[in-house]
Amino acid sequence: MSLTAKIQGTNKILDAQDYNKEQHKALVLDKFTDTPCIHVSGYDRKTQYGYTTNVRSHFRSTYTGEFPLDIEFSDEYFKKGEKYSPGESEEHREGKRWIADKVEELSKGFLSKEILEFEKLLKLENGKYRICDVAFNFPCGELFIFECQLSAITPEILESRSEDYRSLGVTFDWLFGKSAHTNDNISWYYNYFGKYPYILNFERTIQDSEAT
């Protein structure tokens, strides 16, 4: 599941909220496998706590083969195993939307939706592609990346992934929430960036999530 897909026969990336059935039916491909995917329209869902939340529109892959060898595994997007098994959480999708909106606001439009791409595939020095949650691509090649980290992760992995980005000349930042919001990760972030991280809070409703 993802917020974006490829349009068959072009190099264009389509945001799920811009999907038009008449224009795009049977033309959208999973960005990670180049196979057909299905558009899922947004809908309201009642949670176990009794409130109603909106599930944003997204794309669902139809691929059932082996996990692609050229993709760095991420448990924010896939379930563990040899098979390709998408497993992105609703909160992760919503967190990416929130981050994109907040970054545009705080940058006063310097990082705008015109250059925004969700789930950008960035080629690493090892030849594999990493899925970058929120990316702002400038025509000159400059790239700003923001990672929405909700699943458990260690400071060692954060350090390794950050050094990958740094070696490529990418400007990047991490936002933590849920299982990634630990004292060890906050300490690592402070030592690495010299400031405290934004924390994503999903305690009320997904639409009301906040960063503090």
N, C-alpha and C. Protein backbone atom coordinates (compact mmCIF):
# COMPACT_ATOMS: atom_id res chain seq x y z
N MET A 1 0.83 -1.19 0.00
CA MET A 1 0.00 0.00 0.00
C MET A 1 0.87 1.24 0.00
N SER A 2 0.49 2.23 -0.76
CA SER A 2 1.30 3.45 -0.85
C SER A 2 0.41 4.61 -1.28
N LEU A 3 0.95 5.80 -1.12
CA LEU A 3 0.22 7.01 -1.50
C LEU A 3 0.39 7.36 -2.96
N THR A 4 1.37 6.76 -3.61
CA THR A 4 1.67 7.11 -5.00
C THR A 4 1.84 5.85 -5.85
N ALA A 5 1.72 6.05 -7.16
CA ALA A 5 1.93 4.97 -8.13
C ALA A 5 2.52 5.58 -9.39
N LYS A 6 3.04 4.71 -10.25
CA LYS A 6 3.56 5.15 -11.55
C LYS A 6 2.45 5.09 -12.59
N ILE A 7 2.49 6.01 -13.53
CA ILE A 7 1.55 5.96 -14.65
C ILE A 7 2.23 5.20 -15.79
N GLN A 8 1.62 4.13 -16.21
CA GLN A 8 2.20 3.25 -17.23
C GLN A 8 2.55 4.02 -18.50
N GLY A 9 3.75 3.75 -19.03
CA GLY A 9 4.18 4.36 -20.27
C GLY A 9 4.73 5.76 -20.14
N THR A 10 4.82 6.25 -18.91
CA THR A 10 5.37 7.59 -18.67
C THR A 10 6.33 7.53 -17.49
N ASN A 11 6.98 8.64 -17.21
CA ASN A 11 7.83 8.75 -16.02
C ASN A 11 7.13 9.50 -14.90
N LYS A 12 5.81 9.66 -15.04
CA LYS A 12 5.06 10.46 -14.07
C LYS A 12 4.63 9.63 -12.87
N ILE A 13 4.63 10.30 -11.70
CA ILE A 13 4.18 9.70 -10.46
C ILE A 13 2.81 10.29 -10.12
N LEU A 14 1.85 9.44 -9.78
CA LEU A 14 0.49 9.88 -9.50
C LEU A 14 0.20 9.75 -8.01
N ASP A 15 -0.27 10.84 -7.41
CA ASP A 15 -0.71 10.83 -6.02
C ASP A 15 -2.12 10.21 -5.98
N ALA A 16 -2.37 9.36 -4.98
CA ALA A 16 -3.66 8.67 -4.89
C ALA A 16 -4.83 9.64 -4.82
N GLN A 17 -4.64 10.78 -4.20
CA GLN A 17 -5.75 11.72 -4.09
C GLN A 17 -6.03 12.45 -5.41
N ASP A 18 -5.14 12.31 -6.40
CA ASP A 18 -5.35 12.91 -7.72
C ASP A 18 -5.83 11.88 -8.75
N TYR A 19 -6.09 10.67 -8.30
CA TYR A 19 -6.51 9.60 -9.22
C TYR A 19 -7.86 9.93 -9.84
N ASN A 20 -7.94 9.74 -11.16
CA ASN A 20 -9.18 9.95 -11.90
C ASN A 20 -9.47 8.65 -12.65
N LYS A 21 -10.60 8.03 -12.34
CA LYS A 21 -10.91 6.72 -12.90
C LYS A 21 -10.93 6.73 -14.42
N GLU A 22 -11.49 7.76 -15.02
CA GLU A 22 -11.59 7.82 -16.48
C GLU A 22 -10.22 7.95 -17.12
N GLN A 23 -9.32 8.68 -16.48
CA GLN A 23 -7.99 8.91 -17.05
C GLN A 23 -6.99 7.82 -16.69
N HIS A 24 -7.10 7.25 -15.50
CA HIS A 24 -6.01 6.42 -14.98
C HIS A 24 -6.33 4.95 -14.80
N LYS A 25 -7.57 4.53 -14.99
CA LYS A 25 -7.92 3.13 -14.79
C LYS A 25 -7.05 2.23 -15.66
N ALA A 26 -6.50 1.19 -15.05
CA ALA A 26 -5.65 0.19 -15.72
C ALA A 26 -4.30 0.76 -16.16
N LEU A 27 -3.96 1.96 -15.70
CA LEU A 27 -2.68 2.57 -16.10
C LEU A 27 -1.74 2.81 -14.92
N VAL A 28 -2.14 2.40 -13.72
CA VAL A 28 -1.29 2.67 -12.55
C VAL A 28 -0.51 1.42 -12.16
N LEU A 29 0.77 1.63 -11.89
CA LEU A 29 1.68 0.54 -11.54
C LEU A 29 2.29 0.76 -10.16
N ASP A 30 2.48 -0.33 -9.45
CA ASP A 30 3.20 -0.31 -8.19
C ASP A 30 4.61 0.21 -8.45
N LYS A 31 5.02 1.26 -7.73
CA LYS A 31 6.34 1.86 -7.96
C LYS A 31 7.48 0.90 -7.63
N PHE A 32 7.23 -0.09 -6.78
CA PHE A 32 8.30 -0.95 -6.30
C PHE A 32 8.50 -2.20 -7.16
N THR A 33 7.47 -2.57 -7.95
CA THR A 33 7.56 -3.80 -8.75
C THR A 33 7.17 -3.61 -10.21
N ASP A 34 6.67 -2.41 -10.58
CA ASP A 34 6.22 -2.14 -11.94
C ASP A 34 5.09 -3.07 -12.37
N THR A 35 4.27 -3.49 -11.44
CA THR A 35 3.12 -4.34 -11.75
C THR A 35 1.84 -3.58 -11.42
N PRO A 36 0.69 -3.99 -12.00
CA PRO A 36 -0.55 -3.25 -11.78
C PRO A 36 -0.92 -3.13 -10.30
N CYS A 37 -1.52 -2.00 -9.96
CA CYS A 37 -2.02 -1.83 -8.61
C CYS A 37 -3.44 -1.26 -8.67
N ILE A 38 -4.11 -1.31 -7.55
CA ILE A 38 -5.52 -0.92 -7.47
C ILE A 38 -5.64 0.35 -6.64
N HIS A 39 -6.45 1.28 -7.12
CA HIS A 39 -6.71 2.50 -6.34
C HIS A 39 -7.82 2.23 -5.34
N VAL A 40 -7.57 2.61 -4.09
CA VAL A 40 -8.56 2.48 -3.02
C VAL A 40 -9.01 3.87 -2.63
N SER A 41 -10.29 4.17 -2.81
CA SER A 41 -10.81 5.49 -2.47
C SER A 41 -10.84 5.68 -0.96
N GLY A 42 -10.74 6.93 -0.52
CA GLY A 42 -10.82 7.23 0.90
C GLY A 42 -12.19 6.88 1.45
N TYR A 43 -12.23 6.53 2.72
CA TYR A 43 -13.51 6.19 3.35
C TYR A 43 -13.41 6.44 4.85
N ASP A 44 -14.56 6.54 5.48
CA ASP A 44 -14.62 6.73 6.93
C ASP A 44 -14.65 5.38 7.62
N ARG A 45 -13.90 5.27 8.71
CA ARG A 45 -13.84 4.01 9.46
C ARG A 45 -14.01 4.31 10.94
N LYS A 46 -14.87 3.54 11.59
CA LYS A 46 -15.07 3.71 13.03
C LYS A 46 -14.01 2.90 13.77
N THR A 47 -13.32 3.52 14.71
CA THR A 47 -12.25 2.85 15.44
C THR A 47 -12.80 2.12 16.67
N GLN A 48 -11.92 1.36 17.31
CA GLN A 48 -12.31 0.63 18.51
C GLN A 48 -12.63 1.56 19.67
N TYR A 49 -12.20 2.82 19.58
CA TYR A 49 -12.45 3.78 20.65
C TYR A 49 -13.74 4.57 20.43
N GLY A 50 -14.45 4.29 19.31
CA GLY A 50 -15.74 4.89 19.11
C GLY A 50 -15.76 6.14 18.26
N TYR A 51 -14.60 6.66 17.87
CA TYR A 51 -14.61 7.83 17.00
C TYR A 51 -14.42 7.40 15.55
N THR A 52 -14.73 8.28 14.64
CA THR A 52 -14.63 7.99 13.21
C THR A 52 -13.39 8.67 12.64
N THR A 53 -12.63 7.92 11.88
CA THR A 53 -11.44 8.47 11.25
C THR A 53 -11.53 8.27 9.74
N ASN A 54 -10.88 9.11 9.01
CA ASN A 54 -10.89 9.01 7.55
C ASN A 54 -9.66 8.25 7.08
N VAL A 55 -9.87 7.16 6.36
CA VAL A 55 -8.77 6.43 5.74
C VAL A 55 -8.50 7.09 4.39
N ARG A 56 -7.31 7.61 4.23
CA ARG A 56 -6.98 8.33 3.00
C ARG A 56 -6.93 7.39 1.81
N SER A 57 -7.18 7.93 0.63
CA SER A 57 -7.06 7.14 -0.59
C SER A 57 -5.62 6.68 -0.75
N HIS A 58 -5.44 5.50 -1.33
CA HIS A 58 -4.10 4.95 -1.51
C HIS A 58 -4.14 3.89 -2.61
N PHE A 59 -2.97 3.34 -2.93
CA PHE A 59 -2.87 2.29 -3.93
C PHE A 59 -2.50 0.97 -3.26
N ARG A 60 -3.09 -0.12 -3.75
CA ARG A 60 -2.81 -1.44 -3.22
C ARG A 60 -2.18 -2.29 -4.33
N SER A 61 -1.02 -2.85 -4.04
CA SER A 61 -0.32 -3.65 -5.04
C SER A 61 -1.00 -4.99 -5.25
N THR A 62 -0.91 -5.53 -6.48
CA THR A 62 -1.43 -6.86 -6.79
C THR A 62 -0.30 -7.88 -6.95
N TYR A 63 0.94 -7.43 -6.75
CA TYR A 63 2.10 -8.30 -6.93
C TYR A 63 2.17 -9.33 -5.81
N THR A 64 2.48 -10.58 -6.15
CA THR A 64 2.53 -11.65 -5.15
C THR A 64 3.83 -12.45 -5.21
N GLY A 65 4.83 -11.95 -5.92
CA GLY A 65 6.07 -12.70 -6.09
C GLY A 65 7.08 -12.51 -4.97
N GLU A 66 8.34 -12.83 -5.29
CA GLU A 66 9.42 -12.69 -4.33
C GLU A 66 9.69 -11.21 -4.06
N PHE A 67 10.26 -10.94 -2.90
CA PHE A 67 10.58 -9.55 -2.59
C PHE A 67 11.66 -9.05 -3.55
N PRO A 68 11.48 -7.85 -4.13
CA PRO A 68 12.45 -7.34 -5.12
C PRO A 68 13.86 -7.22 -4.55
N LEU A 69 14.82 -7.72 -5.27
CA LEU A 69 16.20 -7.71 -4.80
C LEU A 69 16.82 -6.31 -4.81
N ASP A 70 16.22 -5.40 -5.58
CA ASP A 70 16.82 -4.07 -5.70
C ASP A 70 16.23 -3.06 -4.70
N ILE A 71 15.34 -3.52 -3.81
CA ILE A 71 14.71 -2.64 -2.83
C ILE A 71 15.24 -2.95 -1.44
N GLU A 72 15.66 -1.94 -0.71
CA GLU A 72 16.03 -2.11 0.70
C GLU A 72 14.75 -2.38 1.49
N PHE A 73 14.72 -3.45 2.25
CA PHE A 73 13.52 -3.79 3.01
C PHE A 73 13.23 -2.71 4.05
N SER A 74 11.95 -2.37 4.21
CA SER A 74 11.50 -1.44 5.24
C SER A 74 10.24 -2.00 5.88
N ASP A 75 10.27 -2.19 7.21
CA ASP A 75 9.07 -2.73 7.85
C ASP A 75 7.99 -1.68 8.04
N GLU A 76 8.24 -0.44 7.58
CA GLU A 76 7.16 0.54 7.52
C GLU A 76 6.25 0.26 6.32
N TYR A 77 6.78 -0.46 5.32
CA TYR A 77 6.03 -0.71 4.09
C TYR A 77 5.69 -2.18 3.85
N PHE A 78 6.49 -3.09 4.39
CA PHE A 78 6.32 -4.51 4.09
C PHE A 78 6.35 -5.36 5.36
N LYS A 79 5.68 -6.51 5.27
CA LYS A 79 5.77 -7.49 6.35
C LYS A 79 6.99 -8.36 6.10
N LYS A 80 7.59 -8.85 7.17
CA LYS A 80 8.80 -9.64 7.04
C LYS A 80 8.52 -10.95 6.33
N GLY A 81 9.50 -11.42 5.56
CA GLY A 81 9.37 -12.67 4.82
C GLY A 81 9.95 -12.54 3.43
N GLU A 82 10.12 -13.68 2.78
CA GLU A 82 10.70 -13.69 1.44
C GLU A 82 9.72 -13.15 0.39
N LYS A 83 8.44 -13.35 0.62
CA LYS A 83 7.44 -12.90 -0.33
C LYS A 83 7.21 -11.39 -0.19
N TYR A 84 6.80 -10.78 -1.27
CA TYR A 84 6.44 -9.36 -1.29
C TYR A 84 5.09 -9.23 -0.62
N SER A 85 5.06 -8.65 0.57
CA SER A 85 3.82 -8.58 1.33
C SER A 85 3.65 -7.18 1.90
N PRO A 86 2.96 -6.29 1.17
CA PRO A 86 2.78 -4.91 1.63
C PRO A 86 2.09 -4.87 2.99
N GLY A 87 2.53 -3.95 3.84
CA GLY A 87 1.95 -3.89 5.18
C GLY A 87 2.04 -2.52 5.81
N GLU A 88 1.95 -1.46 4.99
CA GLU A 88 2.05 -0.11 5.54
C GLU A 88 0.82 0.21 6.39
N SER A 89 1.05 0.83 7.54
CA SER A 89 -0.06 1.16 8.43
C SER A 89 -0.75 2.44 7.99
N GLU A 90 -2.00 2.54 8.39
CA GLU A 90 -2.78 3.75 8.12
C GLU A 90 -2.12 4.97 8.76
N GLU A 91 -1.55 4.77 9.95
CA GLU A 91 -0.90 5.87 10.64
C GLU A 91 0.35 6.35 9.90
N HIS A 92 1.08 5.41 9.31
CA HIS A 92 2.27 5.81 8.55
C HIS A 92 1.88 6.63 7.33
N ARG A 93 0.84 6.22 6.64
CA ARG A 93 0.37 6.99 5.48
C ARG A 93 -0.07 8.39 5.92
N GLU A 94 -0.84 8.44 7.01
CA GLU A 94 -1.33 9.73 7.48
C GLU A 94 -0.18 10.60 7.98
N GLY A 95 0.81 9.97 8.63
CA GLY A 95 1.96 10.72 9.11
C GLY A 95 2.72 11.39 7.98
N LYS A 96 2.84 10.70 6.84
CA LYS A 96 3.54 11.29 5.70
C LYS A 96 2.78 12.51 5.17
N ARG A 97 1.46 12.41 5.10
CA ARG A 97 0.66 13.56 4.65
C ARG A 97 0.86 14.74 5.61
N TRP A 98 0.83 14.45 6.90
CA TRP A 98 0.98 15.51 7.90
C TRP A 98 2.34 16.19 7.77
N ILE A 99 3.38 15.37 7.62
CA ILE A 99 4.73 15.91 7.50
C ILE A 99 4.84 16.82 6.29
N ALA A 100 4.32 16.38 5.14
CA ALA A 100 4.41 17.18 3.92
C ALA A 100 3.74 18.54 4.11
N ASP A 101 2.56 18.53 4.72
CA ASP A 101 1.84 19.79 4.95
C ASP A 101 2.61 20.69 5.91
N LYS A 102 3.15 20.10 6.97
CA LYS A 102 3.85 20.89 7.98
C LYS A 102 5.16 21.46 7.44
N VAL A 103 5.87 20.67 6.66
CA VAL A 103 7.13 21.15 6.08
C VAL A 103 6.87 22.32 5.15
N GLU A 104 5.84 22.20 4.32
CA GLU A 104 5.52 23.31 3.41
C GLU A 104 5.18 24.57 4.22
N GLU A 105 4.42 24.40 5.29
CA GLU A 105 4.04 25.54 6.13
C GLU A 105 5.26 26.19 6.78
N LEU A 106 6.12 25.38 7.40
CA LEU A 106 7.26 25.92 8.13
C LEU A 106 8.32 26.50 7.20
N SER A 107 8.41 25.96 5.98
CA SER A 107 9.40 26.47 5.02
C SER A 107 8.87 27.67 4.25
N LYS A 108 7.62 28.06 4.57
CA LYS A 108 6.96 29.20 3.89
C LYS A 108 6.92 29.01 2.38
N GLY A 109 6.70 27.77 1.96
CA GLY A 109 6.54 27.47 0.54
C GLY A 109 7.82 27.17 -0.20
N PHE A 110 8.98 27.29 0.49
CA PHE A 110 10.25 26.93 -0.16
C PHE A 110 10.22 25.47 -0.58
N LEU A 111 9.70 24.61 0.30
CA LEU A 111 9.48 23.21 -0.02
C LEU A 111 7.98 23.05 -0.26
N SER A 112 7.59 23.05 -1.51
CA SER A 112 6.17 23.12 -1.87
C SER A 112 5.69 21.80 -2.48
N LYS A 113 4.38 21.68 -2.62
CA LYS A 113 3.78 20.46 -3.16
C LYS A 113 4.12 20.25 -4.63
N GLU A 114 4.54 21.32 -5.32
CA GLU A 114 4.91 21.19 -6.73
C GLU A 114 6.14 20.29 -6.90
N ILE A 115 6.97 20.19 -5.87
CA ILE A 115 8.18 19.36 -5.97
C ILE A 115 8.14 18.20 -4.97
N LEU A 116 6.95 17.92 -4.45
CA LEU A 116 6.77 16.86 -3.45
C LEU A 116 6.60 15.49 -4.11
N GLU A 117 7.21 14.49 -3.52
CA GLU A 117 6.97 13.10 -3.94
C GLU A 117 6.99 12.21 -2.70
N PHE A 118 5.93 11.42 -2.53
CA PHE A 118 5.92 10.42 -1.47
C PHE A 118 6.56 9.13 -1.98
N GLU A 119 7.19 8.41 -1.07
CA GLU A 119 7.79 7.11 -1.38
C GLU A 119 8.79 7.18 -2.54
N LYS A 120 9.64 8.17 -2.51
CA LYS A 120 10.65 8.30 -3.57
C LYS A 120 11.67 7.18 -3.44
N LEU A 121 12.03 6.59 -4.56
CA LEU A 121 13.07 5.57 -4.58
C LEU A 121 14.42 6.23 -4.82
N LEU A 122 15.29 6.14 -3.82
CA LEU A 122 16.61 6.76 -3.89
C LEU A 122 17.66 5.66 -4.00
N LYS A 123 18.48 5.74 -5.05
CA LYS A 123 19.50 4.70 -5.26
C LYS A 123 20.69 4.96 -4.35
N LEU A 124 21.06 3.93 -3.58
CA LEU A 124 22.18 4.02 -2.65
C LEU A 124 23.47 3.57 -3.32
N GLU A 125 24.57 3.75 -2.63
CA GLU A 125 25.87 3.38 -3.20
C GLU A 125 26.01 1.87 -3.38
N ASN A 126 25.20 1.08 -2.65
CA ASN A 126 25.25 -0.38 -2.81
C ASN A 126 24.43 -0.87 -3.99
N GLY A 127 23.80 0.07 -4.72
CA GLY A 127 23.03 -0.27 -5.90
C GLY A 127 21.56 -0.53 -5.64
N LYS A 128 21.18 -0.63 -4.36
CA LYS A 128 19.77 -0.84 -4.02
C LYS A 128 19.06 0.49 -3.85
N TYR A 129 17.72 0.43 -3.85
CA TYR A 129 16.90 1.62 -3.69
C TYR A 129 16.27 1.64 -2.30
N ARG A 130 16.34 2.78 -1.67
CA ARG A 130 15.65 2.98 -0.39
C ARG A 130 14.39 3.79 -0.63
N ILE A 131 13.31 3.42 0.06
CA ILE A 131 12.06 4.16 -0.04
C ILE A 131 12.11 5.33 0.93
N CYS A 132 12.07 6.54 0.40
CA CYS A 132 12.10 7.75 1.23
C CYS A 132 10.66 8.23 1.43
N ASP A 133 10.25 8.38 2.67
CA ASP A 133 8.84 8.65 2.96
C ASP A 133 8.32 9.92 2.29
N VAL A 134 8.98 11.04 2.56
CA VAL A 134 8.55 12.34 2.02
C VAL A 134 9.77 13.00 1.40
N ALA A 135 9.68 13.33 0.13
CA ALA A 135 10.83 13.93 -0.56
C ALA A 135 10.40 15.17 -1.33
N PHE A 136 11.26 16.16 -1.32
CA PHE A 136 11.06 17.37 -2.11
C PHE A 136 12.22 17.44 -3.11
N ASN A 137 11.88 17.30 -4.40
CA ASN A 137 12.87 17.22 -5.47
C ASN A 137 12.98 18.55 -6.21
N PHE A 138 14.11 19.19 -6.13
CA PHE A 138 14.32 20.41 -6.90
C PHE A 138 14.83 20.05 -8.29
N PRO A 139 14.45 20.82 -9.32
CA PRO A 139 14.91 20.55 -10.69
C PRO A 139 16.44 20.49 -10.81
N CYS A 140 17.13 21.22 -9.93
CA CYS A 140 18.60 21.23 -9.98
C CYS A 140 19.21 19.95 -9.43
N GLY A 141 18.38 19.08 -8.86
CA GLY A 141 18.88 17.82 -8.30
C GLY A 141 18.98 17.81 -6.80
N GLU A 142 18.81 18.98 -6.16
CA GLU A 142 18.86 19.02 -4.70
C GLU A 142 17.65 18.28 -4.14
N LEU A 143 17.88 17.55 -3.04
CA LEU A 143 16.83 16.69 -2.50
C LEU A 143 16.72 16.86 -0.99
N PHE A 144 15.50 17.07 -0.51
CA PHE A 144 15.20 17.15 0.92
C PHE A 144 14.30 15.96 1.27
N ILE A 145 14.70 15.19 2.28
CA ILE A 145 13.97 13.98 2.66
C ILE A 145 13.56 14.06 4.13
N PHE A 146 12.34 13.60 4.41
CA PHE A 146 11.83 13.53 5.78
C PHE A 146 11.29 12.13 6.01
N GLU A 147 11.82 11.47 7.03
CA GLU A 147 11.42 10.10 7.33
C GLU A 147 10.44 10.05 8.49
N CYS A 148 9.31 9.39 8.25
CA CYS A 148 8.27 9.19 9.27
C CYS A 148 8.53 7.81 9.91
N GLN A 149 9.24 7.79 11.02
CA GLN A 149 9.64 6.52 11.63
C GLN A 149 8.72 6.17 12.79
N LEU A 150 7.89 5.15 12.59
CA LEU A 150 6.95 4.71 13.61
C LEU A 150 7.28 3.33 14.16
N SER A 151 7.85 2.46 13.33
CA SER A 151 8.20 1.12 13.80
C SER A 151 9.50 1.16 14.59
N ALA A 152 9.72 0.14 15.38
CA ALA A 152 10.90 0.09 16.24
C ALA A 152 12.18 0.16 15.40
N ILE A 153 13.13 0.91 15.89
CA ILE A 153 14.41 1.08 15.19
C ILE A 153 15.47 1.41 16.23
N THR A 154 16.71 1.05 15.96
CA THR A 154 17.79 1.30 16.91
C THR A 154 18.60 2.51 16.48
N PRO A 155 19.30 3.14 17.43
CA PRO A 155 20.20 4.25 17.06
C PRO A 155 21.25 3.84 16.03
N GLU A 156 21.69 2.58 16.09
CA GLU A 156 22.69 2.11 15.14
C GLU A 156 22.16 2.12 13.71
N ILE A 157 20.91 1.69 13.53
CA ILE A 157 20.31 1.70 12.19
C ILE A 157 20.04 3.13 11.75
N LEU A 158 19.57 3.97 12.67
CA LEU A 158 19.36 5.39 12.34
C LEU A 158 20.67 6.02 11.86
N GLU A 159 21.74 5.71 12.56
CA GLU A 159 23.06 6.25 12.19
C GLU A 159 23.47 5.77 10.80
N SER A 160 23.30 4.47 10.53
CA SER A 160 23.70 3.91 9.25
C SER A 160 22.91 4.53 8.10
N ARG A 161 21.59 4.65 8.27
CA ARG A 161 20.76 5.23 7.21
C ARG A 161 21.06 6.71 7.02
N SER A 162 21.33 7.38 8.11
CA SER A 162 21.66 8.81 8.01
C SER A 162 22.98 9.02 7.27
N GLU A 163 23.94 8.16 7.53
CA GLU A 163 25.21 8.28 6.83
C GLU A 163 25.07 7.96 5.35
N ASP A 164 24.14 7.06 5.00
CA ASP A 164 23.85 6.80 3.59
C ASP A 164 23.37 8.09 2.92
N TYR A 165 22.43 8.77 3.56
CA TYR A 165 21.91 10.02 3.00
C TYR A 165 23.00 11.07 2.91
N ARG A 166 23.77 11.18 3.96
CA ARG A 166 24.83 12.20 3.99
C ARG A 166 25.85 11.95 2.89
N SER A 167 26.18 10.69 2.64
CA SER A 167 27.18 10.37 1.60
C SER A 167 26.68 10.74 0.22
N LEU A 168 25.34 10.80 0.04
CA LEU A 168 24.75 11.16 -1.25
C LEU A 168 24.48 12.66 -1.36
N GLY A 169 24.79 13.42 -0.32
CA GLY A 169 24.58 14.86 -0.35
C GLY A 169 23.13 15.25 -0.16
N VAL A 170 22.35 14.38 0.48
CA VAL A 170 20.92 14.63 0.68
C VAL A 170 20.69 15.39 1.99
N THR A 171 19.81 16.36 1.98
CA THR A 171 19.37 17.02 3.21
C THR A 171 18.23 16.19 3.78
N PHE A 172 18.30 15.82 5.06
CA PHE A 172 17.32 14.88 5.60
C PHE A 172 17.00 15.17 7.06
N ASP A 173 15.89 14.59 7.50
CA ASP A 173 15.48 14.70 8.90
C ASP A 173 14.62 13.50 9.24
N TRP A 174 14.53 13.20 10.54
CA TRP A 174 13.71 12.10 11.05
C TRP A 174 12.64 12.65 11.97
N LEU A 175 11.44 12.09 11.88
CA LEU A 175 10.38 12.36 12.84
C LEU A 175 9.97 11.03 13.45
N PHE A 176 9.90 10.98 14.77
CA PHE A 176 9.61 9.72 15.47
C PHE A 176 8.19 9.69 16.01
N GLY A 177 7.66 8.48 16.13
CA GLY A 177 6.36 8.26 16.74
C GLY A 177 6.23 6.80 17.13
N LYS A 178 5.23 6.49 17.94
CA LYS A 178 4.91 5.13 18.34
C LYS A 178 6.16 4.38 18.82
N SER A 179 6.50 3.21 18.26
CA SER A 179 7.59 2.38 18.77
C SER A 179 8.97 3.00 18.57
N ALA A 180 9.09 3.95 17.64
CA ALA A 180 10.38 4.61 17.40
C ALA A 180 10.64 5.73 18.39
N HIS A 181 9.61 6.12 19.15
CA HIS A 181 9.75 7.22 20.12
C HIS A 181 10.33 6.66 21.41
N THR A 182 11.65 6.54 21.46
CA THR A 182 12.34 6.02 22.64
C THR A 182 13.39 7.01 23.11
N ASN A 183 13.79 6.88 24.36
CA ASN A 183 14.83 7.76 24.90
C ASN A 183 16.14 7.59 24.16
N ASP A 184 16.47 6.33 23.81
CA ASP A 184 17.72 6.08 23.09
C ASP A 184 17.73 6.78 21.73
N ASN A 185 16.60 6.72 21.01
CA ASN A 185 16.54 7.36 19.70
C ASN A 185 16.56 8.87 19.80
N ILE A 186 15.91 9.41 20.81
CA ILE A 186 15.94 10.86 21.01
C ILE A 186 17.35 11.32 21.35
N SER A 187 18.05 10.56 22.19
CA SER A 187 19.43 10.90 22.54
C SER A 187 20.32 10.84 21.31
N TRP A 188 20.14 9.79 20.51
CA TRP A 188 20.94 9.70 19.27
C TRP A 188 20.67 10.91 18.39
N TYR A 189 19.39 11.26 18.20
CA TYR A 189 19.03 12.38 17.33
C TYR A 189 19.68 13.67 17.82
N TYR A 190 19.62 13.91 19.12
CA TYR A 190 20.19 15.14 19.68
C TYR A 190 21.70 15.19 19.44
N ASN A 191 22.37 14.06 19.62
CA ASN A 191 23.82 14.03 19.41
C ASN A 191 24.19 14.19 17.94
N TYR A 192 23.32 13.70 17.06
CA TYR A 192 23.60 13.74 15.61
C TYR A 192 23.26 15.10 15.02
N PHE A 193 22.11 15.67 15.40
CA PHE A 193 21.63 16.90 14.79
C PHE A 193 21.82 18.14 15.66
N GLY A 194 22.07 17.95 16.95
CA GLY A 194 22.24 19.09 17.84
C GLY A 194 20.94 19.77 18.21
N LYS A 195 19.84 19.04 18.13
CA LYS A 195 18.52 19.56 18.49
C LYS A 195 17.63 18.37 18.82
N TYR A 196 16.43 18.65 19.33
CA TYR A 196 15.50 17.57 19.63
C TYR A 196 14.57 17.32 18.44
N PRO A 197 14.13 16.08 18.25
CA PRO A 197 13.30 15.76 17.08
C PRO A 197 11.84 16.14 17.27
N TYR A 198 11.12 16.28 16.17
CA TYR A 198 9.66 16.35 16.21
C TYR A 198 9.13 14.96 16.55
N ILE A 199 8.08 14.93 17.39
CA ILE A 199 7.46 13.67 17.76
C ILE A 199 6.03 13.65 17.24
N LEU A 200 5.70 12.60 16.51
CA LEU A 200 4.35 12.43 15.97
C LEU A 200 3.48 11.75 17.03
N ASN A 201 2.34 12.34 17.30
CA ASN A 201 1.44 11.86 18.33
C ASN A 201 0.13 11.39 17.70
N PHE A 202 -0.20 10.11 17.89
CA PHE A 202 -1.42 9.54 17.32
C PHE A 202 -2.42 9.15 18.40
N GLU A 203 -2.34 9.76 19.56
CA GLU A 203 -3.15 9.31 20.69
C GLU A 203 -4.63 9.66 20.56
N ARG A 204 -4.97 10.73 19.83
CA ARG A 204 -6.38 11.12 19.71
C ARG A 204 -6.96 10.49 18.45
N THR A 205 -6.94 11.21 17.33
CA THR A 205 -7.37 10.62 16.06
C THR A 205 -6.25 10.84 15.08
N ILE A 206 -6.28 10.08 14.02
CA ILE A 206 -5.23 10.22 13.03
C ILE A 206 -5.25 11.60 12.40
N GLN A 207 -6.45 12.14 12.16
CA GLN A 207 -6.52 13.47 11.57
C GLN A 207 -5.96 14.53 12.52
N ASP A 208 -6.07 14.26 13.84
CA ASP A 208 -5.65 15.25 14.83
C ASP A 208 -4.20 15.04 15.26
N SER A 209 -3.46 14.18 14.58
CA SER A 209 -2.09 13.91 15.00
C SER A 209 -1.29 15.20 15.02
N GLU A 210 -0.41 15.29 15.99
CA GLU A 210 0.37 16.51 16.18
C GLU A 210 1.83 16.17 16.31
N ALA A 211 2.67 17.11 16.04
CA ALA A 211 4.09 16.99 16.35
C ALA A 211 4.41 18.00 17.43
N THR A 212 5.18 17.58 18.40
CA THR A 212 5.55 18.47 19.49
C THR A 212 7.05 18.54 19.59
